[in-house]
PDB file of N, CA and C in Angstrom:
ATOM      1  N   UNK A   1     -13.313   6.746  71.329  1.00  0.00           N
ATOM      2  CA  UNK A   1     -13.851   7.289  70.110  1.00  0.00           C
ATOM      3  C   UNK A   1     -12.731   7.578  69.099  1.00  0.00           C
ATOM      4  N   UNK A   2     -11.623   8.115  69.595  1.00  0.00           N
ATOM      5  CA  UNK A   2     -10.512   8.461  68.728  1.00  0.00           C
ATOM      6  C   UNK A   2      -9.889   7.220  68.094  1.00  0.00           C
ATOM      7  N   UNK A   3      -9.727   6.141  68.860  1.00  0.00           N
ATOM      8  CA  UNK A   3      -9.162   4.899  68.340  1.00  0.00           C
ATOM      9  C   UNK A   3     -10.092   4.286  67.289  1.00  0.00           C
ATOM     10  N   UNK A   4     -11.382   4.366  67.541  1.00  0.00           N
ATOM     11  CA  UNK A   4     -12.357   3.825  66.581  1.00  0.00           C
ATOM     12  C   UNK A   4     -12.278   4.581  65.265  1.00  0.00           C
ATOM     13  N   UNK A   5     -12.193   5.907  65.319  1.00  0.00           N
ATOM     14  CA  UNK A   5     -12.098   6.721  64.110  1.00  0.00           C
ATOM     15  C   UNK A   5     -10.816   6.421  63.346  1.00  0.00           C
ATOM     16  N   UNK A   6      -9.703   6.310  64.049  1.00  0.00           N
ATOM     17  CA  UNK A   6      -8.431   5.997  63.398  1.00  0.00           C
ATOM     18  C   UNK A   6      -8.458   4.612  62.756  1.00  0.00           C
ATOM     19  N   UNK A   7      -9.019   3.638  63.427  1.00  0.00           N
ATOM     20  CA  UNK A   7      -9.058   2.285  62.858  1.00  0.00           C
ATOM     21  C   UNK A   7      -9.981   2.239  61.642  1.00  0.00           C
ATOM     22  N   UNK A   8     -11.096   2.963  61.668  1.00  0.00           N
ATOM     23  CA  UNK A   8     -11.999   2.988  60.505  1.00  0.00           C
ATOM     24  C   UNK A   8     -11.353   3.702  59.323  1.00  0.00           C
ATOM     25  N   UNK A   9     -10.675   4.809  59.590  1.00  0.00           N
ATOM     26  CA  UNK A   9     -10.022   5.531  58.488  1.00  0.00           C
ATOM     27  C   UNK A   9      -8.871   4.696  57.908  1.00  0.00           C
ATOM     28  N   UNK A  10      -8.138   3.999  58.758  1.00  0.00           N
ATOM     29  CA  UNK A  10      -7.065   3.147  58.274  1.00  0.00           C
ATOM     30  C   UNK A  10      -7.617   1.993  57.436  1.00  0.00           C
ATOM     31  N   UNK A  11      -8.697   1.377  57.891  1.00  0.00           N
ATOM     32  CA  UNK A  11      -9.317   0.287  57.141  1.00  0.00           C
ATOM     33  C   UNK A  11      -9.870   0.787  55.806  1.00  0.00           C
ATOM     34  N   UNK A  12     -10.480   1.963  55.811  1.00  0.00           N
ATOM     35  CA  UNK A  12     -11.013   2.530  54.567  1.00  0.00           C
ATOM     36  C   UNK A  12      -9.920   2.868  53.572  1.00  0.00           C
ATOM     37  N   UNK A  13      -8.821   3.442  54.048  1.00  0.00           N
ATOM     38  CA  UNK A  13      -7.731   3.767  53.129  1.00  0.00           C
ATOM     39  C   UNK A  13      -7.072   2.507  52.571  1.00  0.00           C
ATOM     40  N   UNK A  14      -6.972   1.459  53.388  1.00  0.00           N
ATOM     41  CA  UNK A  14      -6.418   0.200  52.882  1.00  0.00           C
ATOM     42  C   UNK A  14      -7.329  -0.422  51.837  1.00  0.00           C
ATOM     43  N   UNK A  15      -8.636  -0.296  52.047  1.00  0.00           N
ATOM     44  CA  UNK A  15      -9.590  -0.833  51.088  1.00  0.00           C
ATOM     45  C   UNK A  15      -9.488  -0.093  49.757  1.00  0.00           C
ATOM     46  N   UNK A  16      -9.411   1.224  49.800  1.00  0.00           N
ATOM     47  CA  UNK A  16      -9.329   2.014  48.570  1.00  0.00           C
ATOM     48  C   UNK A  16      -8.014   1.798  47.828  1.00  0.00           C
ATOM     49  N   UNK A  17      -6.924   1.675  48.546  1.00  0.00           N
ATOM     50  CA  UNK A  17      -5.639   1.496  47.866  1.00  0.00           C
ATOM     51  C   UNK A  17      -5.516   0.130  47.201  1.00  0.00           C
ATOM     52  N   UNK A  18      -6.264  -0.852  47.672  1.00  0.00           N
ATOM     53  CA  UNK A  18      -6.210  -2.152  47.013  1.00  0.00           C
ATOM     54  C   UNK A  18      -7.239  -2.260  45.897  1.00  0.00           C
ATOM     55  N   UNK A  19      -8.343  -1.540  45.977  1.00  0.00           N
ATOM     56  CA  UNK A  19      -9.406  -1.659  44.971  1.00  0.00           C
ATOM     57  C   UNK A  19      -9.108  -0.832  43.727  1.00  0.00           C
ATOM     58  N   UNK A  20      -8.559   0.356  43.870  1.00  0.00           N
ATOM     59  CA  UNK A  20      -8.329   1.229  42.719  1.00  0.00           C
ATOM     60  C   UNK A  20      -7.288   0.682  41.738  1.00  0.00           C
ATOM     61  N   UNK A  21      -6.127   0.226  42.191  1.00  0.00           N
ATOM     62  CA  UNK A  21      -5.165  -0.284  41.212  1.00  0.00           C
ATOM     63  C   UNK A  21      -5.668  -1.500  40.445  1.00  0.00           C
ATOM     64  N   UNK A  22      -6.505  -2.322  41.055  1.00  0.00           N
ATOM     65  CA  UNK A  22      -7.044  -3.487  40.362  1.00  0.00           C
ATOM     66  C   UNK A  22      -7.939  -3.042  39.215  1.00  0.00           C
ATOM     67  N   UNK A  23      -8.796  -2.043  39.445  1.00  0.00           N
ATOM     68  CA  UNK A  23      -9.671  -1.568  38.380  1.00  0.00           C
ATOM     69  C   UNK A  23      -8.867  -0.891  37.272  1.00  0.00           C
ATOM     70  N   UNK A  24      -7.835  -0.142  37.618  1.00  0.00           N
ATOM     71  CA  UNK A  24      -6.999   0.489  36.597  1.00  0.00           C
ATOM     72  C   UNK A  24      -6.201  -0.550  35.821  1.00  0.00           C
ATOM     73  N   UNK A  25      -5.758  -1.573  36.505  1.00  0.00           N
ATOM     74  CA  UNK A  25      -5.000  -2.626  35.845  1.00  0.00           C
ATOM     75  C   UNK A  25      -5.874  -3.376  34.850  1.00  0.00           C
ATOM     76  N   UNK A  26      -7.126  -3.604  35.189  1.00  0.00           N
ATOM     77  CA  UNK A  26      -8.031  -4.305  34.275  1.00  0.00           C
ATOM     78  C   UNK A  26      -8.236  -3.494  32.999  1.00  0.00           C
ATOM     79  N   UNK A  27      -8.340  -2.176  33.125  1.00  0.00           N
ATOM     80  CA  UNK A  27      -8.539  -1.326  31.953  1.00  0.00           C
ATOM     81  C   UNK A  27      -7.299  -1.329  31.061  1.00  0.00           C
ATOM     82  N   UNK A  28      -6.128  -1.174  31.644  1.00  0.00           N
ATOM     83  CA  UNK A  28      -4.918  -1.170  30.827  1.00  0.00           C
ATOM     84  C   UNK A  28      -4.648  -2.548  30.239  1.00  0.00           C
ATOM     85  N   UNK A  29      -5.011  -3.595  30.959  1.00  0.00           N
ATOM     86  CA  UNK A  29      -4.827  -4.935  30.429  1.00  0.00           C
ATOM     87  C   UNK A  29      -5.699  -5.141  29.198  1.00  0.00           C
ATOM     88  N   UNK A  30      -6.933  -4.619  29.224  1.00  0.00           N
ATOM     89  CA  UNK A  30      -7.821  -4.742  28.069  1.00  0.00           C
ATOM     90  C   UNK A  30      -7.234  -4.010  26.869  1.00  0.00           C
ATOM     91  N   UNK A  31      -6.723  -2.803  27.089  1.00  0.00           N
ATOM     92  CA  UNK A  31      -6.144  -2.043  25.979  1.00  0.00           C
ATOM     93  C   UNK A  31      -4.890  -2.727  25.442  1.00  0.00           C
ATOM     94  N   UNK A  32      -4.122  -3.317  26.332  1.00  0.00           N
ATOM     95  CA  UNK A  32      -2.919  -4.024  25.910  1.00  0.00           C
ATOM     96  C   UNK A  32      -3.276  -5.226  25.045  1.00  0.00           C
ATOM     97  N   UNK A  33      -4.340  -5.944  25.430  1.00  0.00           N
ATOM     98  CA  UNK A  33      -4.758  -7.112  24.660  1.00  0.00           C
ATOM     99  C   UNK A  33      -5.279  -6.710  23.289  1.00  0.00           C
ATOM    100  N   UNK A  34      -6.044  -5.618  23.212  1.00  0.00           N
ATOM    101  CA  UNK A  34      -6.563  -5.197  21.911  1.00  0.00           C
ATOM    102  C   UNK A  34      -5.433  -4.713  21.025  1.00  0.00           C
ATOM    103  N   UNK A  35      -4.409  -4.055  21.603  1.00  0.00           N
ATOM    104  CA  UNK A  35      -3.275  -3.605  20.813  1.00  0.00           C
ATOM    105  C   UNK A  35      -2.502  -4.805  20.268  1.00  0.00           C
ATOM    106  N   UNK A  36      -2.310  -5.815  21.101  1.00  0.00           N
ATOM    107  CA  UNK A  36      -1.600  -7.016  20.643  1.00  0.00           C
ATOM    108  C   UNK A  36      -2.380  -7.715  19.533  1.00  0.00           C
ATOM    109  N   UNK A  37      -3.707  -7.753  19.672  1.00  0.00           N
ATOM    110  CA  UNK A  37      -4.541  -8.373  18.657  1.00  0.00           C
ATOM    111  C   UNK A  37      -4.441  -7.602  17.345  1.00  0.00           C
ATOM    112  N   UNK A  38      -4.412  -6.273  17.427  1.00  0.00           N
ATOM    113  CA  UNK A  38      -4.279  -5.442  16.234  1.00  0.00           C
ATOM    114  C   UNK A  38      -2.942  -5.692  15.556  1.00  0.00           C
ATOM    115  N   UNK A  39      -1.864  -5.738  16.346  1.00  0.00           N
ATOM    116  CA  UNK A  39      -0.538  -5.951  15.760  1.00  0.00           C
ATOM    117  C   UNK A  39      -0.437  -7.335  15.120  1.00  0.00           C
ATOM    118  N   UNK A  40      -1.025  -8.347  15.748  1.00  0.00           N
ATOM    119  CA  UNK A  40      -1.000  -9.694  15.191  1.00  0.00           C
ATOM    120  C   UNK A  40      -1.734  -9.722  13.855  1.00  0.00           C
ATOM    121  N   UNK A  41      -2.860  -9.034  13.795  1.00  0.00           N
ATOM    122  CA  UNK A  41      -3.624  -8.990  12.560  1.00  0.00           C
ATOM    123  C   UNK A  41      -2.851  -8.236  11.480  1.00  0.00           C
ATOM    124  N   UNK A  42      -2.154  -7.182  11.852  1.00  0.00           N
ATOM    125  CA  UNK A  42      -1.365  -6.417  10.894  1.00  0.00           C
ATOM    126  C   UNK A  42      -0.232  -7.271  10.324  1.00  0.00           C
ATOM    127  N   UNK A  43       0.401  -8.085  11.170  1.00  0.00           N
ATOM    128  CA  UNK A  43       1.474  -8.956  10.688  1.00  0.00           C
ATOM    129  C   UNK A  43       0.932 -10.020   9.737  1.00  0.00           C
ATOM    130  N   UNK A  44      -0.238 -10.522  10.047  1.00  0.00           N
ATOM    131  CA  UNK A  44      -0.843 -11.519   9.150  1.00  0.00           C
ATOM    132  C   UNK A  44      -1.139 -10.923   7.789  1.00  0.00           C
ATOM    133  N   UNK A  45      -1.612  -9.682   7.770  1.00  0.00           N
ATOM    134  CA  UNK A  45      -1.884  -9.022   6.497  1.00  0.00           C
ATOM    135  C   UNK A  45      -0.595  -8.854   5.698  1.00  0.00           C
ATOM    136  N   UNK A  46       0.479  -8.480   6.373  1.00  0.00           N
ATOM    137  CA  UNK A  46       1.760  -8.305   5.691  1.00  0.00           C
ATOM    138  C   UNK A  46       2.227  -9.617   5.081  1.00  0.00           C
ATOM    139  N   UNK A  47       2.161 -10.688   5.849  1.00  0.00           N
ATOM    140  CA  UNK A  47       2.590 -11.998   5.356  1.00  0.00           C
ATOM    141  C   UNK A  47       1.742 -12.426   4.164  1.00  0.00           C
ATOM    142  N   UNK A  48       0.457 -12.176   4.260  1.00  0.00           N
ATOM    143  CA  UNK A  48      -0.443 -12.557   3.177  1.00  0.00           C
ATOM    144  C   UNK A  48      -0.126 -11.773   1.899  1.00  0.00           C
ATOM    145  N   UNK A  49       0.075 -10.471   2.021  1.00  0.00           N
ATOM    146  CA  UNK A  49       0.348  -9.650   0.836  1.00  0.00           C
ATOM    147  C   UNK A  49       1.690  -9.995   0.202  1.00  0.00           C
ATOM    148  N   UNK A  50       2.707 -10.207   1.016  1.00  0.00           N
ATOM    149  CA  UNK A  50       4.024 -10.559   0.479  1.00  0.00           C
ATOM    150  C   UNK A  50       3.987 -11.933  -0.156  1.00  0.00           C
ATOM    151  N   UNK A  51       3.299 -12.866   0.474  1.00  0.00           N
ATOM    152  CA  UNK A  51       3.186 -14.220  -0.078  1.00  0.00           C
ATOM    153  C   UNK A  51       2.445 -14.247  -1.403  1.00  0.00           C
ATOM    154  N   UNK A  52       1.361 -13.491  -1.487  1.00  0.00           N
ATOM    155  CA  UNK A  52       0.632 -13.437  -2.759  1.00  0.00           C
ATOM    156  C   UNK A  52       1.469 -12.793  -3.856  1.00  0.00           C
ATOM    157  N   UNK A  53       2.215 -11.761  -3.500  1.00  0.00           N
ATOM    158  CA  UNK A  53       3.098 -11.126  -4.483  1.00  0.00           C
ATOM    159  C   UNK A  53       4.174 -12.080  -4.969  1.00  0.00           C
ATOM    160  N   UNK A  54       4.745 -12.844  -4.042  1.00  0.00           N
ATOM    161  CA  UNK A  54       5.787 -13.799  -4.417  1.00  0.00           C
ATOM    162  C   UNK A  54       5.226 -14.912  -5.302  1.00  0.00           C
ATOM    163  N   UNK A  55       4.030 -15.390  -4.969  1.00  0.00           N
ATOM    164  CA  UNK A  55       3.422 -16.455  -5.771  1.00  0.00           C
ATOM    165  C   UNK A  55       3.097 -15.966  -7.177  1.00  0.00           C
ATOM    166  N   UNK A  56       2.553 -14.768  -7.253  1.00  0.00           N
ATOM    167  CA  UNK A  56       2.247 -14.203  -8.570  1.00  0.00           C
ATOM    168  C   UNK A  56       3.496 -13.965  -9.392  1.00  0.00           C
ATOM    169  N   UNK A  57       4.530 -13.440  -8.742  1.00  0.00           N
ATOM    170  CA  UNK A  57       5.794 -13.200  -9.449  1.00  0.00           C
ATOM    171  C   UNK A  57       6.441 -14.498  -9.901  1.00  0.00           C
ATOM    172  N   UNK A  58       6.363 -15.534  -9.086  1.00  0.00           N
ATOM    173  CA  UNK A  58       6.927 -16.826  -9.458  1.00  0.00           C
ATOM    174  C   UNK A  58       6.178 -17.423 -10.639  1.00  0.00           C
ATOM    175  N   UNK A  59       4.863 -17.263 -10.657  1.00  0.00           N
ATOM    176  CA  UNK A  59       4.073 -17.798 -11.771  1.00  0.00           C
ATOM    177  C   UNK A  59       4.416 -17.095 -13.075  1.00  0.00           C
ATOM    178  N   UNK A  60       4.503 -15.781 -13.027  1.00  0.00           N
ATOM    179  CA  UNK A  60       4.830 -15.036 -14.245  1.00  0.00           C
ATOM    180  C   UNK A  60       6.265 -15.327 -14.670  1.00  0.00           C
ATOM    181  N   UNK A  61       7.179 -15.411 -13.702  1.00  0.00           N
ATOM    182  CA  UNK A  61       8.574 -15.704 -14.024  1.00  0.00           C
ATOM    183  C   UNK A  61       8.752 -17.096 -14.604  1.00  0.00           C
ATOM    184  N   UNK A  62       7.990 -18.070 -14.105  1.00  0.00           N
ATOM    185  CA  UNK A  62       8.080 -19.437 -14.627  1.00  0.00           C
ATOM    186  C   UNK A  62       7.578 -19.500 -16.063  1.00  0.00           C
ATOM    187  N   UNK A  63       6.530 -18.764 -16.346  1.00  0.00           N
ATOM    188  CA  UNK A  63       6.015 -18.736 -17.722  1.00  0.00           C
ATOM    189  C   UNK A  63       6.996 -18.042 -18.667  1.00  0.00           C
ATOM    190  N   UNK A  64       7.670 -17.036 -18.180  1.00  0.00           N
ATOM    191  CA  UNK A  64       8.566 -16.257 -19.036  1.00  0.00           C
ATOM    192  C   UNK A  64       9.944 -16.884 -19.175  1.00  0.00           C
ATOM    193  N   UNK A  65      10.506 -17.399 -18.058  1.00  0.00           N
ATOM    194  CA  UNK A  65      11.901 -17.816 -18.148  1.00  0.00           C
ATOM    195  C   UNK A  65      12.233 -19.137 -17.502  1.00  0.00           C
ATOM    196  N   UNK A  66      11.275 -19.968 -17.177  1.00  0.00           N
ATOM    197  CA  UNK A  66      11.574 -21.271 -16.589  1.00  0.00           C
ATOM    198  C   UNK A  66      11.900 -21.180 -15.108  1.00  0.00           C
ATOM    199  N   UNK A  67      12.793 -22.064 -14.660  1.00  0.00           N
ATOM    200  CA  UNK A  67      13.121 -22.169 -13.238  1.00  0.00           C
ATOM    201  C   UNK A  67      13.831 -20.954 -12.688  1.00  0.00           C
ATOM    202  N   UNK A  68      14.819 -20.457 -13.412  1.00  0.00           N
ATOM    203  CA  UNK A  68      15.554 -19.280 -12.948  1.00  0.00           C
ATOM    204  C   UNK A  68      14.647 -18.053 -12.951  1.00  0.00           C
ATOM    205  N   UNK A  69      13.788 -17.956 -13.935  1.00  0.00           N
ATOM    206  CA  UNK A  69      12.840 -16.846 -13.993  1.00  0.00           C
ATOM    207  C   UNK A  69      11.833 -16.887 -12.858  1.00  0.00           C
ATOM    208  N   UNK A  70      11.479 -18.098 -12.430  1.00  0.00           N
ATOM    209  CA  UNK A  70      10.535 -18.232 -11.318  1.00  0.00           C
ATOM    210  C   UNK A  70      11.150 -17.697 -10.026  1.00  0.00           C
ATOM    211  N   UNK A  71      12.425 -17.980  -9.806  1.00  0.00           N
ATOM    212  CA  UNK A  71      13.097 -17.470  -8.609  1.00  0.00           C
ATOM    213  C   UNK A  71      13.207 -15.956  -8.614  1.00  0.00           C
ATOM    214  N   UNK A  72      13.591 -15.428  -9.755  1.00  0.00           N
ATOM    215  CA  UNK A  72      13.704 -13.973  -9.870  1.00  0.00           C
ATOM    216  C   UNK A  72      12.319 -13.331  -9.730  1.00  0.00           C
ATOM    217  N   UNK A  73      11.328 -13.918 -10.382  1.00  0.00           N
ATOM    218  CA  UNK A  73       9.972 -13.392 -10.295  1.00  0.00           C
ATOM    219  C   UNK A  73       9.422 -13.441  -8.880  1.00  0.00           C
ATOM    220  N   UNK A  74       9.747 -14.493  -8.133  1.00  0.00           N
ATOM    221  CA  UNK A  74       9.288 -14.596  -6.749  1.00  0.00           C
ATOM    222  C   UNK A  74       9.912 -13.498  -5.896  1.00  0.00           C
ATOM    223  N   UNK A  75      11.193 -13.234  -6.093  1.00  0.00           N
ATOM    224  CA  UNK A  75      11.860 -12.178  -5.333  1.00  0.00           C
ATOM    225  C   UNK A  75      11.274 -10.800  -5.657  1.00  0.00           C
ATOM    226  N   UNK A  76      11.070 -10.547  -6.937  1.00  0.00           N
ATOM    227  CA  UNK A  76      10.512  -9.262  -7.349  1.00  0.00           C
ATOM    228  C   UNK A  76       9.069  -9.134  -6.863  1.00  0.00           C
ATOM    229  N   UNK A  77       8.305 -10.203  -6.967  1.00  0.00           N
ATOM    230  CA  UNK A  77       6.919 -10.181  -6.502  1.00  0.00           C
ATOM    231  C   UNK A  77       6.809  -9.979  -5.000  1.00  0.00           C
ATOM    232  N   UNK A  78       7.704 -10.586  -4.228  1.00  0.00           N
ATOM    233  CA  UNK A  78       7.697 -10.393  -2.776  1.00  0.00           C
ATOM    234  C   UNK A  78       8.023  -8.943  -2.435  1.00  0.00           C
ATOM    235  N   UNK A  79       8.972  -8.369  -3.140  1.00  0.00           N
ATOM    236  CA  UNK A  79       9.304  -6.956  -2.922  1.00  0.00           C
ATOM    237  C   UNK A  79       8.132  -6.048  -3.255  1.00  0.00           C
ATOM    238  N   UNK A  80       7.463  -6.346  -4.349  1.00  0.00           N
ATOM    239  CA  UNK A  80       6.301  -5.540  -4.731  1.00  0.00           C
ATOM    240  C   UNK A  80       5.173  -5.702  -3.722  1.00  0.00           C
ATOM    241  N   UNK A  81       4.975  -6.913  -3.216  1.00  0.00           N
ATOM    242  CA  UNK A  81       3.952  -7.137  -2.197  1.00  0.00           C
ATOM    243  C   UNK A  81       4.258  -6.387  -0.916  1.00  0.00           C
ATOM    244  N   UNK A  82       5.527  -6.322  -0.533  1.00  0.00           N
ATOM    245  CA  UNK A  82       5.917  -5.579   0.663  1.00  0.00           C
ATOM    246  C   UNK A  82       5.681  -4.081   0.473  1.00  0.00           C
ATOM    247  N   UNK A  83       6.061  -3.569  -0.689  1.00  0.00           N
ATOM    248  CA  UNK A  83       5.833  -2.146  -0.961  1.00  0.00           C
ATOM    249  C   UNK A  83       4.343  -1.818  -0.964  1.00  0.00           C
ATOM    250  N   UNK A  84       3.529  -2.701  -1.508  1.00  0.00           N
ATOM    251  CA  UNK A  84       2.086  -2.501  -1.496  1.00  0.00           C
ATOM    252  C   UNK A  84       1.549  -2.507  -0.068  1.00  0.00           C
ATOM    253  N   UNK A  85       2.075  -3.402   0.759  1.00  0.00           N
ATOM    254  CA  UNK A  85       1.649  -3.468   2.152  1.00  0.00           C
ATOM    255  C   UNK A  85       1.995  -2.177   2.889  1.00  0.00           C
ATOM    256  N   UNK A  86       3.195  -1.666   2.693  1.00  0.00           N
ATOM    257  CA  UNK A  86       3.592  -0.411   3.341  1.00  0.00           C
ATOM    258  C   UNK A  86       2.709   0.740   2.867  1.00  0.00           C
ATOM    259  N   UNK A  87       2.365   0.734   1.587  1.00  0.00           N
ATOM    260  CA  UNK A  87       1.492   1.775   1.054  1.00  0.00           C
ATOM    261  C   UNK A  87       0.116   1.715   1.712  1.00  0.00           C
ATOM    262  N   UNK A  88      -0.441   0.539   1.856  1.00  0.00           N
ATOM    263  CA  UNK A  88      -1.766   0.382   2.447  1.00  0.00           C
ATOM    264  C   UNK A  88      -1.775   0.768   3.926  1.00  0.00           C
ATOM    265  N   UNK A  89      -0.709   0.458   4.635  1.00  0.00           N
ATOM    266  CA  UNK A  89      -0.671   0.775   6.064  1.00  0.00           C
ATOM    267  C   UNK A  89      -0.471   2.252   6.328  1.00  0.00           C
ATOM    268  N   UNK A  90       0.258   2.937   5.474  1.00  0.00           N
ATOM    269  CA  UNK A  90       0.581   4.332   5.688  1.00  0.00           C
ATOM    270  C   UNK A  90      -0.234   5.291   4.847  1.00  0.00           C
ATOM    271  N   UNK A  91      -1.283   4.786   4.228  1.00  0.00           N
ATOM    272  CA  UNK A  91      -2.098   5.642   3.382  1.00  0.00           C
ATOM    273  C   UNK A  91      -2.944   6.593   4.223  1.00  0.00           C
ATOM    274  N   UNK A  92      -3.269   6.218   5.431  1.00  0.00           N
ATOM    275  CA  UNK A  92      -4.036   7.077   6.311  1.00  0.00           C
ATOM    276  C   UNK A  92      -5.525   6.958   6.119  1.00  0.00           C
ATOM    277  N   UNK A  93      -5.993   5.750   5.954  1.00  0.00           N
ATOM    278  CA  UNK A  93      -7.424   5.545   5.816  1.00  0.00           C
ATOM    279  C   UNK A  93      -8.119   5.814   7.152  1.00  0.00           C
ATOM    280  N   UNK A  94      -9.311   6.396   7.123  1.00  0.00           N
ATOM    281  CA  UNK A  94     -10.004   6.671   8.398  1.00  0.00           C
ATOM    282  C   UNK A  94     -10.556   5.426   9.033  1.00  0.00           C
TER     283      UNK A  94
END
């Protein structure tokens, strides 16, 4: 009787120690994937905002000062787009 009880308790503890970490790992893996997806989306937004700022600045600079103005306008527009992106991310929207 004693050997049977020990073998059942050992088998039960082995079953629990292998089942619990798998379920916890699945939960953390899901959160890790959603966090990565969020960060990827945030980077895309940054690239989009900076690119639009640079394009707008280049267009205005080209109209105002030709080729050299387009380069300067693109740099200024990219900087403005980056600042706008930082403002939107840190504004604290709910």
